[in-house]
Amino acid sequence: MPSQLLSILLFTGEHDFWVKATHGLLSDDDWKRGLEGRGYTAGVGEPVNLFYPELLRIFPKAKVILTVRPVKDWVRSMRRAIIDQRSTLERPPISWLFSYFGITQAKRSMAGVRSRMATKWGFDLDLWAAVEAGEDEATKYFETWNRKVIENVPKERLLVYNVKEGWEPLARFLNVTPPANKPFPKINDADTVVLVVQGGYWLLLGIPFVCLLLCTCKVRRRLLERSLVKCAAILKNASPSNAKNKMKGFNKLDDKNCNSIP
């Protein structure tokens, strides 16, 4: 089953790598340089899962983990985490950022990869289109995908795995020691994805208003400081000591004026 989260596309032309792969333009050395040569040791979900026959041939020690779950749970989760969030990701201000950083162009390239590989695998619809088409088409895609993987991957290189099984079968299949006293993570569920997408959207929307508020507060603070200075000056001038000194000045002036009268 494809992962609910797509693998991250680097902005250095990685999507072009997968476009070439769909057209059969990569040699075995190209695959090795593009994946192993760049430090990749594993891949999750699209697009890497669409090329598992090639990868099994090129990397003889590679293994495949097919994650399974009740199909209705998968369809519901896919709709919440991926399909329903597209409207948020494809409207401003997020769409502006995606366009600026080249993510929009990468997404279009990957949509083409997804569509071409669906045709190659004999599907009527690609993954996203099947989920958008409704539960029947999504169920058909899910079941057909799982069946094809089980048929095509040698049994000794395949683990059909439900995450509810925890560490043990996963660690045993990969020949590693399971983590001791460490709970199995749950960070890629639909609720988390929705929270990140929606939270990020409203955060981006709020940044301009926060900046404007801070600027406004700064102007208001300066005006308030000036007003306080003026008030302090007025109060100082109106204090009894200042009034007494002013009266003395007036008295001296009156005496001087009186003495000057002939």
C-alpha atoms as a PDB file:
ATOM      1  CA  MET A   1       0.000   0.000   0.000  1.00  0.00           C
ATOM      2  CA  PRO A   2       1.355   3.433  -0.827  1.00  0.00           C
ATOM      3  CA  SER A   3       2.300   5.558   2.130  1.00  0.00           C
ATOM      4  CA  GLN A   4      -0.081   8.337   3.134  1.00  0.00           C
ATOM      5  CA  LEU A   5       2.701  10.896   2.951  1.00  0.00           C
ATOM      6  CA  LEU A   6       4.616  11.443  -0.260  1.00  0.00           C
ATOM      7  CA  SER A   7       8.376  11.373  -0.109  1.00  0.00           C
ATOM      8  CA  ILE A   8       9.884  14.824   0.138  1.00  0.00           C
ATOM      9  CA  LEU A   9      10.916  16.378  -3.150  1.00  0.00           C
ATOM     10  CA  LEU A  10      14.210  18.193  -3.053  1.00  0.00           C
ATOM     11  CA  PHE A  11      14.426  21.491  -4.884  1.00  0.00           C
ATOM     12  CA  THR A  12      17.571  20.417  -6.712  1.00  0.00           C
ATOM     13  CA  GLY A  13      15.864  18.577  -9.552  1.00  0.00           C
ATOM     14  CA  GLU A  14      14.860  15.344  -7.853  1.00  0.00           C
ATOM     15  CA  HIS A  15      11.484  15.392  -9.573  1.00  0.00           C
ATOM     16  CA  ASP A  16      13.321  15.393 -12.922  1.00  0.00           C
ATOM     17  CA  PHE A  17      14.995  12.169 -11.823  1.00  0.00           C
ATOM     18  CA  TRP A  18      11.616  10.482 -11.414  1.00  0.00           C
ATOM     19  CA  VAL A  19      10.296  11.905 -14.672  1.00  0.00           C
ATOM     20  CA  LYS A  20      13.228  10.302 -16.475  1.00  0.00           C
ATOM     21  CA  ALA A  21      12.550   7.063 -14.629  1.00  0.00           C
ATOM     22  CA  THR A  22       8.985   6.902 -15.952  1.00  0.00           C
ATOM     23  CA  HIS A  23      10.309   7.144 -19.509  1.00  0.00           C
ATOM     24  CA  GLY A  24      12.933   4.434 -18.935  1.00  0.00           C
ATOM     25  CA  LEU A  25      15.802   6.885 -19.359  1.00  0.00           C
ATOM     26  CA  LEU A  26      17.785   5.812 -16.272  1.00  0.00           C
ATOM     27  CA  SER A  27      20.532   3.220 -16.413  1.00  0.00           C
ATOM     28  CA  ASP A  28      21.372   1.007 -13.454  1.00  0.00           C
ATOM     29  CA  ASP A  29      24.268   3.324 -12.644  1.00  0.00           C
ATOM     30  CA  ASP A  30      21.902   6.309 -12.762  1.00  0.00           C
ATOM     31  CA  TRP A  31      19.663   4.615 -10.183  1.00  0.00           C
ATOM     32  CA  LYS A  32      22.634   3.875  -7.945  1.00  0.00           C
ATOM     33  CA  ARG A  33      23.994   7.404  -8.169  1.00  0.00           C
ATOM     34  CA  GLY A  34      20.562   8.963  -7.743  1.00  0.00           C
ATOM     35  CA  LEU A  35      19.636   6.973  -4.645  1.00  0.00           C
ATOM     36  CA  GLU A  36      22.546   5.180  -2.997  1.00  0.00           C
ATOM     37  CA  GLY A  37      25.008   7.824  -4.142  1.00  0.00           C
ATOM     38  CA  ARG A  38      22.985  10.560  -2.462  1.00  0.00           C
ATOM     39  CA  GLY A  39      22.774   8.763   0.840  1.00  0.00           C
ATOM     40  CA  TYR A  40      19.341   7.162   0.549  1.00  0.00           C
ATOM     41  CA  THR A  41      19.021   3.839   2.343  1.00  0.00           C
ATOM     42  CA  ALA A  42      15.215   3.484   2.233  1.00  0.00           C
ATOM     43  CA  GLY A  43      12.170   4.979   0.559  1.00  0.00           C
ATOM     44  CA  VAL A  44       8.575   5.409   1.692  1.00  0.00           C
ATOM     45  CA  GLY A  45       5.528   5.824  -0.534  1.00  0.00           C
ATOM     46  CA  GLU A  46       5.430   7.598  -3.860  1.00  0.00           C
ATOM     47  CA  PRO A  47       7.359   7.923  -6.045  1.00  0.00           C
ATOM     48  CA  VAL A  48       9.889   5.297  -4.999  1.00  0.00           C
ATOM     49  CA  ASN A  49       7.300   2.553  -4.447  1.00  0.00           C
ATOM     50  CA  LEU A  50       6.162   2.854  -8.069  1.00  0.00           C
ATOM     51  CA  PHE A  51       9.533   1.484  -9.203  1.00  0.00           C
ATOM     52  CA  TYR A  52      10.025  -1.407  -6.796  1.00  0.00           C
ATOM     53  CA  PRO A  53      10.625  -4.053  -9.542  1.00  0.00           C
ATOM     54  CA  GLU A  54      13.529  -2.034 -10.937  1.00  0.00           C
ATOM     55  CA  LEU A  55      14.922  -1.374  -7.469  1.00  0.00           C
ATOM     56  CA  LEU A  56      14.723  -5.033  -6.448  1.00  0.00           C
ATOM     57  CA  ARG A  57      16.709  -5.946  -9.553  1.00  0.00           C
ATOM     58  CA  ILE A  58      19.315  -3.207  -9.175  1.00  0.00           C
ATOM     59  CA  PHE A  59      19.736  -3.632  -5.410  1.00  0.00           C
ATOM     60  CA  PRO A  60      19.832  -7.407  -4.725  1.00  0.00           C
ATOM     61  CA  LYS A  61      19.724  -6.937  -0.932  1.00  0.00           C
ATOM     62  CA  ALA A  62      16.745  -4.593  -0.983  1.00  0.00           C
ATOM     63  CA  LYS A  63      13.547  -5.603   0.795  1.00  0.00           C
ATOM     64  CA  VAL A  64       9.918  -4.528   0.502  1.00  0.00           C
ATOM     65  CA  ILE A  65       7.570  -3.776   3.387  1.00  0.00           C
ATOM     66  CA  LEU A  66       3.928  -3.761   2.350  1.00  0.00           C
ATOM     67  CA  THR A  67       1.891  -2.026   5.045  1.00  0.00           C
ATOM     68  CA  VAL A  68      -1.714  -3.153   5.275  1.00  0.00           C
ATOM     69  CA  ARG A  69      -4.817  -2.054   7.164  1.00  0.00           C
ATOM     70  CA  PRO A  70      -8.614  -2.280   6.762  1.00  0.00           C
ATOM     71  CA  VAL A  71      -9.410  -0.732   3.390  1.00  0.00           C
ATOM     72  CA  LYS A  72     -12.140   1.570   4.724  1.00  0.00           C
ATOM     73  CA  ASP A  73      -9.735   2.984   7.304  1.00  0.00           C
ATOM     74  CA  TRP A  74      -7.181   3.606   4.554  1.00  0.00           C
ATOM     75  CA  VAL A  75      -9.673   5.358   2.264  1.00  0.00           C
ATOM     76  CA  ARG A  76     -10.953   7.556   5.080  1.00  0.00           C
ATOM     77  CA  SER A  77      -7.437   8.438   6.167  1.00  0.00           C
ATOM     78  CA  MET A  78      -6.302   9.184   2.604  1.00  0.00           C
ATOM     79  CA  ARG A  79      -9.214  11.529   2.066  1.00  0.00           C
ATOM     80  CA  ARG A  80      -8.618  13.406   5.326  1.00  0.00           C
ATOM     81  CA  ALA A  81      -4.838  13.585   5.152  1.00  0.00           C
ATOM     82  CA  ILE A  82      -4.202  14.058   1.433  1.00  0.00           C
ATOM     83  CA  ILE A  83      -7.218  14.830  -0.712  1.00  0.00           C
ATOM     84  CA  ASP A  84      -9.110  17.155   1.624  1.00  0.00           C
ATOM     85  CA  GLN A  85      -5.959  19.141   2.417  1.00  0.00           C
ATOM     86  CA  ARG A  86      -5.195  19.939  -1.222  1.00  0.00           C
ATOM     87  CA  SER A  87      -7.649  22.841  -1.253  1.00  0.00           C
ATOM     88  CA  THR A  88      -5.738  24.422   1.641  1.00  0.00           C
ATOM     89  CA  LEU A  89      -2.322  23.860   0.086  1.00  0.00           C
ATOM     90  CA  GLU A  90      -3.411  25.160  -3.312  1.00  0.00           C
ATOM     91  CA  ARG A  91      -4.725  28.557  -2.199  1.00  0.00           C
ATOM     92  CA  PRO A  92      -2.837  31.674  -1.061  1.00  0.00           C
ATOM     93  CA  PRO A  93      -0.665  32.271   0.848  1.00  0.00           C
ATOM     94  CA  ILE A  94       0.684  28.705   0.800  1.00  0.00           C
ATOM     95  CA  SER A  95       0.337  28.462  -2.985  1.00  0.00           C
ATOM     96  CA  TRP A  96       2.479  31.603  -3.331  1.00  0.00           C
ATOM     97  CA  LEU A  97       5.242  30.048  -1.236  1.00  0.00           C
ATOM     98  CA  PHE A  98       4.999  26.769  -3.137  1.00  0.00           C
ATOM     99  CA  SER A  99       5.316  28.601  -6.434  1.00  0.00           C
ATOM    100  CA  TYR A 100       8.239  30.731  -5.223  1.00  0.00           C
ATOM    101  CA  PHE A 101      10.240  27.720  -3.990  1.00  0.00           C
ATOM    102  CA  GLY A 102       9.418  25.556  -7.021  1.00  0.00           C
ATOM    103  CA  ILE A 103       7.194  23.140  -5.118  1.00  0.00           C
ATOM    104  CA  THR A 104       4.230  23.747  -7.422  1.00  0.00           C
ATOM    105  CA  GLN A 105       6.297  22.786 -10.458  1.00  0.00           C
ATOM    106  CA  ALA A 106       7.585  19.694  -8.659  1.00  0.00           C
ATOM    107  CA  LYS A 107       4.030  18.675  -7.747  1.00  0.00           C
ATOM    108  CA  ARG A 108       2.958  18.935 -11.379  1.00  0.00           C
ATOM    109  CA  SER A 109       5.883  16.786 -12.450  1.00  0.00           C
ATOM    110  CA  MET A 110       5.039  14.194  -9.819  1.00  0.00           C
ATOM    111  CA  ALA A 111       1.385  14.166 -10.893  1.00  0.00           C
ATOM    112  CA  GLY A 112       2.615  13.222 -14.360  1.00  0.00           C
ATOM    113  CA  VAL A 113       4.846  10.498 -12.905  1.00  0.00           C
ATOM    114  CA  ARG A 114       1.922   9.126 -10.901  1.00  0.00           C
ATOM    115  CA  SER A 115      -0.353   9.075 -13.937  1.00  0.00           C
ATOM    116  CA  ARG A 116       2.154   7.449 -16.300  1.00  0.00           C
ATOM    117  CA  MET A 117       3.106   4.784 -13.785  1.00  0.00           C
ATOM    118  CA  ALA A 118      -0.556   3.966 -13.139  1.00  0.00           C
ATOM    119  CA  THR A 119      -0.965   3.314 -16.851  1.00  0.00           C
ATOM    120  CA  LYS A 120       2.192   1.195 -16.878  1.00  0.00           C
ATOM    121  CA  TRP A 121       0.889  -0.894 -13.962  1.00  0.00           C
ATOM    122  CA  GLY A 122      -2.471  -1.384 -15.654  1.00  0.00           C
ATOM    123  CA  PHE A 123      -4.579   0.812 -13.379  1.00  0.00           C
ATOM    124  CA  ASP A 124      -7.507   2.803 -14.726  1.00  0.00           C
ATOM    125  CA  LEU A 125      -6.712   5.640 -12.309  1.00  0.00           C
ATOM    126  CA  ASP A 126      -3.672   6.691 -10.325  1.00  0.00           C
ATOM    127  CA  LEU A 127      -3.719   6.672  -6.535  1.00  0.00           C
ATOM    128  CA  TRP A 128      -5.014  10.183  -5.907  1.00  0.00           C
ATOM    129  CA  ALA A 129      -7.529  10.060  -8.739  1.00  0.00           C
ATOM    130  CA  ALA A 130      -8.873   6.740  -7.431  1.00  0.00           C
ATOM    131  CA  VAL A 131      -9.420   8.145  -3.941  1.00  0.00           C
ATOM    132  CA  GLU A 132     -11.071  11.267  -5.384  1.00  0.00           C
ATOM    133  CA  ALA A 133     -13.363   9.074  -7.513  1.00  0.00           C
ATOM    134  CA  GLY A 134     -14.967   7.516  -4.448  1.00  0.00           C
ATOM    135  CA  GLU A 135     -14.737   4.554  -2.115  1.00  0.00           C
ATOM    136  CA  ASP A 136     -15.322   1.892  -4.782  1.00  0.00           C
ATOM    137  CA  GLU A 137     -12.461   3.053  -7.011  1.00  0.00           C
ATOM    138  CA  ALA A 138     -10.184   3.604  -4.021  1.00  0.00           C
ATOM    139  CA  THR A 139     -10.917   0.106  -2.730  1.00  0.00           C
ATOM    140  CA  LYS A 140     -10.209  -1.359  -6.151  1.00  0.00           C
ATOM    141  CA  TYR A 141      -6.861   0.442  -6.329  1.00  0.00           C
ATOM    142  CA  PHE A 142      -5.913  -0.593  -2.798  1.00  0.00           C
ATOM    143  CA  GLU A 143      -6.676  -4.280  -3.284  1.00  0.00           C
ATOM    144  CA  THR A 144      -5.131  -4.465  -6.766  1.00  0.00           C
ATOM    145  CA  TRP A 145      -1.938  -2.744  -5.607  1.00  0.00           C
ATOM    146  CA  ASN A 146      -1.505  -5.112  -2.659  1.00  0.00           C
ATOM    147  CA  ARG A 147      -2.165  -8.155  -4.834  1.00  0.00           C
ATOM    148  CA  LYS A 148       0.399  -7.062  -7.455  1.00  0.00           C
ATOM    149  CA  VAL A 149       3.071  -6.454  -4.818  1.00  0.00           C
ATOM    150  CA  ILE A 150       2.524  -9.858  -3.212  1.00  0.00           C
ATOM    151  CA  GLU A 151       2.643 -11.544  -6.626  1.00  0.00           C
ATOM    152  CA  ASN A 152       5.770  -9.762  -7.873  1.00  0.00           C
ATOM    153  CA  VAL A 153       8.047  -9.605  -4.820  1.00  0.00           C
ATOM    154  CA  PRO A 154       9.871 -12.796  -3.758  1.00  0.00           C
ATOM    155  CA  LYS A 155       8.513 -14.039  -0.440  1.00  0.00           C
ATOM    156  CA  GLU A 156      11.898 -13.920   1.276  1.00  0.00           C
ATOM    157  CA  ARG A 157      12.182 -10.214   0.415  1.00  0.00           C
ATOM    158  CA  LEU A 158       8.648  -9.196   1.377  1.00  0.00           C
ATOM    159  CA  LEU A 159       7.043  -8.364   4.705  1.00  0.00           C
ATOM    160  CA  VAL A 160       3.274  -7.857   4.790  1.00  0.00           C
ATOM    161  CA  TYR A 161       3.023  -5.690   7.861  1.00  0.00           C
ATOM    162  CA  ASN A 162       0.432  -3.952  10.014  1.00  0.00           C
ATOM    163  CA  VAL A 163       1.846  -1.202  12.218  1.00  0.00           C
ATOM    164  CA  LYS A 164      -0.272  -2.500  15.101  1.00  0.00           C
ATOM    165  CA  GLU A 165       2.161  -5.427  15.265  1.00  0.00           C
ATOM    166  CA  GLY A 166       4.834  -3.117  16.648  1.00  0.00           C
ATOM    167  CA  TRP A 167       8.604  -3.454  16.524  1.00  0.00           C
ATOM    168  CA  GLU A 168       9.142  -7.220  16.629  1.00  0.00           C
ATOM    169  CA  PRO A 169       8.221  -8.411  13.087  1.00  0.00           C
ATOM    170  CA  LEU A 170       9.748  -5.295  11.553  1.00  0.00           C
ATOM    171  CA  ALA A 171      13.035  -5.685  13.396  1.00  0.00           C
ATOM    172  CA  ARG A 172      13.175  -9.419  12.664  1.00  0.00           C
ATOM    173  CA  PHE A 173      12.624  -8.849   8.930  1.00  0.00           C
ATOM    174  CA  LEU A 174      15.339  -6.183   8.789  1.00  0.00           C
ATOM    175  CA  ASN A 175      17.759  -8.177  10.966  1.00  0.00           C
ATOM    176  CA  VAL A 176      18.064  -5.455  13.591  1.00  0.00           C
ATOM    177  CA  THR A 177      17.487  -5.347  17.330  1.00  0.00           C
ATOM    178  CA  PRO A 178      14.139  -3.813  18.292  1.00  0.00           C
ATOM    179  CA  PRO A 179      14.399  -0.692  20.480  1.00  0.00           C
ATOM    180  CA  ALA A 180      14.192  -1.515  24.173  1.00  0.00           C
ATOM    181  CA  ASN A 181      11.590   0.288  26.297  1.00  0.00           C
ATOM    182  CA  LYS A 182      10.669   2.588  23.443  1.00  0.00           C
ATOM    183  CA  PRO A 183       7.018   2.825  22.367  1.00  0.00           C
ATOM    184  CA  PHE A 184       6.185   2.380  18.710  1.00  0.00           C
ATOM    185  CA  PRO A 185       5.759   5.858  17.165  1.00  0.00           C
ATOM    186  CA  LYS A 186       2.471   7.191  15.897  1.00  0.00           C
ATOM    187  CA  ILE A 187       3.252  10.414  14.079  1.00  0.00           C
ATOM    188  CA  ASN A 188       1.971   9.895  10.546  1.00  0.00           C
ATOM    189  CA  ASP A 189      -1.744   9.661  11.197  1.00  0.00           C
ATOM    190  CA  ALA A 190      -4.435  11.763   9.538  1.00  0.00           C
ATOM    191  CA  ASP A 191      -5.023  13.903  12.617  1.00  0.00           C
ATOM    192  CA  THR A 192      -1.374  14.960  12.694  1.00  0.00           C
ATOM    193  CA  VAL A 193      -1.335  15.801   8.990  1.00  0.00           C
ATOM    194  CA  VAL A 194      -4.521  17.865   9.263  1.00  0.00           C
ATOM    195  CA  LEU A 195      -3.132  19.715  12.282  1.00  0.00           C
ATOM    196  CA  VAL A 196       0.136  20.532  10.509  1.00  0.00           C
ATOM    197  CA  VAL A 197      -1.519  21.675   7.260  1.00  0.00           C
ATOM    198  CA  GLN A 198      -4.325  23.691   8.815  1.00  0.00           C
ATOM    199  CA  GLY A 199      -2.106  25.073  11.570  1.00  0.00           C
ATOM    200  CA  GLY A 200       0.535  26.102   9.066  1.00  0.00           C
ATOM    201  CA  TYR A 201      -2.054  27.769   6.862  1.00  0.00           C
ATOM    202  CA  TRP A 202      -3.521  29.901   9.634  1.00  0.00           C
ATOM    203  CA  LEU A 203      -0.069  30.679  10.967  1.00  0.00           C
ATOM    204  CA  LEU A 204       0.968  32.049   7.576  1.00  0.00           C
ATOM    205  CA  LEU A 205      -2.230  34.047   7.383  1.00  0.00           C
ATOM    206  CA  GLY A 206      -1.599  35.506  10.820  1.00  0.00           C
ATOM    207  CA  ILE A 207       2.014  36.579  10.264  1.00  0.00           C
ATOM    208  CA  PRO A 208       1.185  39.772   8.253  1.00  0.00           C
ATOM    209  CA  PHE A 209      -1.398  40.845  10.831  1.00  0.00           C
ATOM    210  CA  VAL A 210       1.020  40.250  13.691  1.00  0.00           C
ATOM    211  CA  CYS A 211       3.704  42.297  11.917  1.00  0.00           C
ATOM    212  CA  LEU A 212       1.202  45.084  11.249  1.00  0.00           C
ATOM    213  CA  LEU A 213       0.069  45.005  14.866  1.00  0.00           C
ATOM    214  CA  LEU A 214       3.647  45.182  16.105  1.00  0.00           C
ATOM    215  CA  CYS A 215       4.414  48.135  13.816  1.00  0.00           C
ATOM    216  CA  THR A 216       1.228  49.877  14.916  1.00  0.00           C
ATOM    217  CA  CYS A 217       2.066  49.251  18.555  1.00  0.00           C
ATOM    218  CA  LYS A 218       5.518  50.708  18.007  1.00  0.00           C
ATOM    219  CA  VAL A 219       4.044  53.896  16.502  1.00  0.00           C
ATOM    220  CA  ARG A 220       1.497  54.100  19.271  1.00  0.00           C
ATOM    221  CA  ARG A 221       4.201  53.667  21.871  1.00  0.00           C
ATOM    222  CA  ARG A 222       6.190  56.564  20.421  1.00  0.00           C
ATOM    223  CA  LEU A 223       3.110  58.771  20.371  1.00  0.00           C
ATOM    224  CA  LEU A 224       2.339  57.792  23.950  1.00  0.00           C
ATOM    225  CA  GLU A 225       5.906  58.563  25.017  1.00  0.00           C
ATOM    226  CA  ARG A 226       5.698  62.012  23.404  1.00  0.00           C
ATOM    227  CA  SER A 227       2.342  62.681  25.043  1.00  0.00           C
ATOM    228  CA  LEU A 228       3.716  61.686  28.427  1.00  0.00           C
ATOM    229  CA  VAL A 229       6.708  63.983  27.987  1.00  0.00           C
ATOM    230  CA  LYS A 230       4.424  66.891  27.124  1.00  0.00           C
ATOM    231  CA  CYS A 231       2.155  66.152  30.074  1.00  0.00           C
ATOM    232  CA  ALA A 232       5.135  65.986  32.397  1.00  0.00           C
ATOM    233  CA  ALA A 233       6.347  69.334  31.110  1.00  0.00           C
ATOM    234  CA  ILE A 234       2.912  70.903  31.605  1.00  0.00           C
ATOM    235  CA  LEU A 235       2.629  69.499  35.117  1.00  0.00           C
ATOM    236  CA  LYS A 236       6.101  70.702  35.942  1.00  0.00           C
ATOM    237  CA  ASN A 237       5.258  74.202  34.794  1.00  0.00           C
ATOM    238  CA  ALA A 238       2.008  74.107  36.748  1.00  0.00           C
ATOM    239  CA  SER A 239       3.637  72.968  40.009  1.00  0.00           C
ATOM    240  CA  PRO A 240       3.367  75.336  43.114  1.00  0.00           C
ATOM    241  CA  SER A 241       7.117  75.997  43.197  1.00  0.00           C
ATOM    242  CA  ASN A 242       7.138  77.117  39.592  1.00  0.00           C
ATOM    243  CA  ALA A 243       4.036  79.226  40.191  1.00  0.00           C
ATOM    244  CA  LYS A 244       5.697  80.893  43.228  1.00  0.00           C
ATOM    245  CA  ASN A 245       8.858  81.641  41.247  1.00  0.00           C
ATOM    246  CA  LYS A 246       6.780  83.152  38.483  1.00  0.00           C
ATOM    247  CA  MET A 247       4.916  85.349  41.003  1.00  0.00           C
ATOM    248  CA  LYS A 248       8.238  86.562  42.438  1.00  0.00           C
ATOM    249  CA  GLY A 249       9.323  87.459  38.938  1.00  0.00           C
ATOM    250  CA  PHE A 250       6.126  89.396  38.370  1.00  0.00           C
ATOM    251  CA  ASN A 251       6.499  91.229  41.719  1.00  0.00           C
ATOM    252  CA  LYS A 252      10.046  92.290  40.919  1.00  0.00           C
ATOM    253  CA  LEU A 253       8.901  93.516  37.549  1.00  0.00           C
ATOM    254  CA  ASP A 254       6.057  95.526  39.145  1.00  0.00           C
ATOM    255  CA  ASP A 255       8.430  97.101  41.708  1.00  0.00           C
ATOM    256  CA  LYS A 256      10.831  98.075  38.984  1.00  0.00           C
ATOM    257  CA  ASN A 257       8.041  99.557  36.951  1.00  0.00           C
ATOM    258  CA  CYS A 258       6.733 101.507  39.945  1.00  0.00           C
ATOM    259  CA  ASN A 259      10.175 102.915  40.799  1.00  0.00           C
ATOM    260  CA  SER A 260      10.572 104.151  37.265  1.00  0.00           C
ATOM    261  CA  ILE A 261       7.438 106.343  37.506  1.00  0.00           C
ATOM    262  CA  PRO A 262       8.454 110.084  38.019  1.00  0.00           C
END
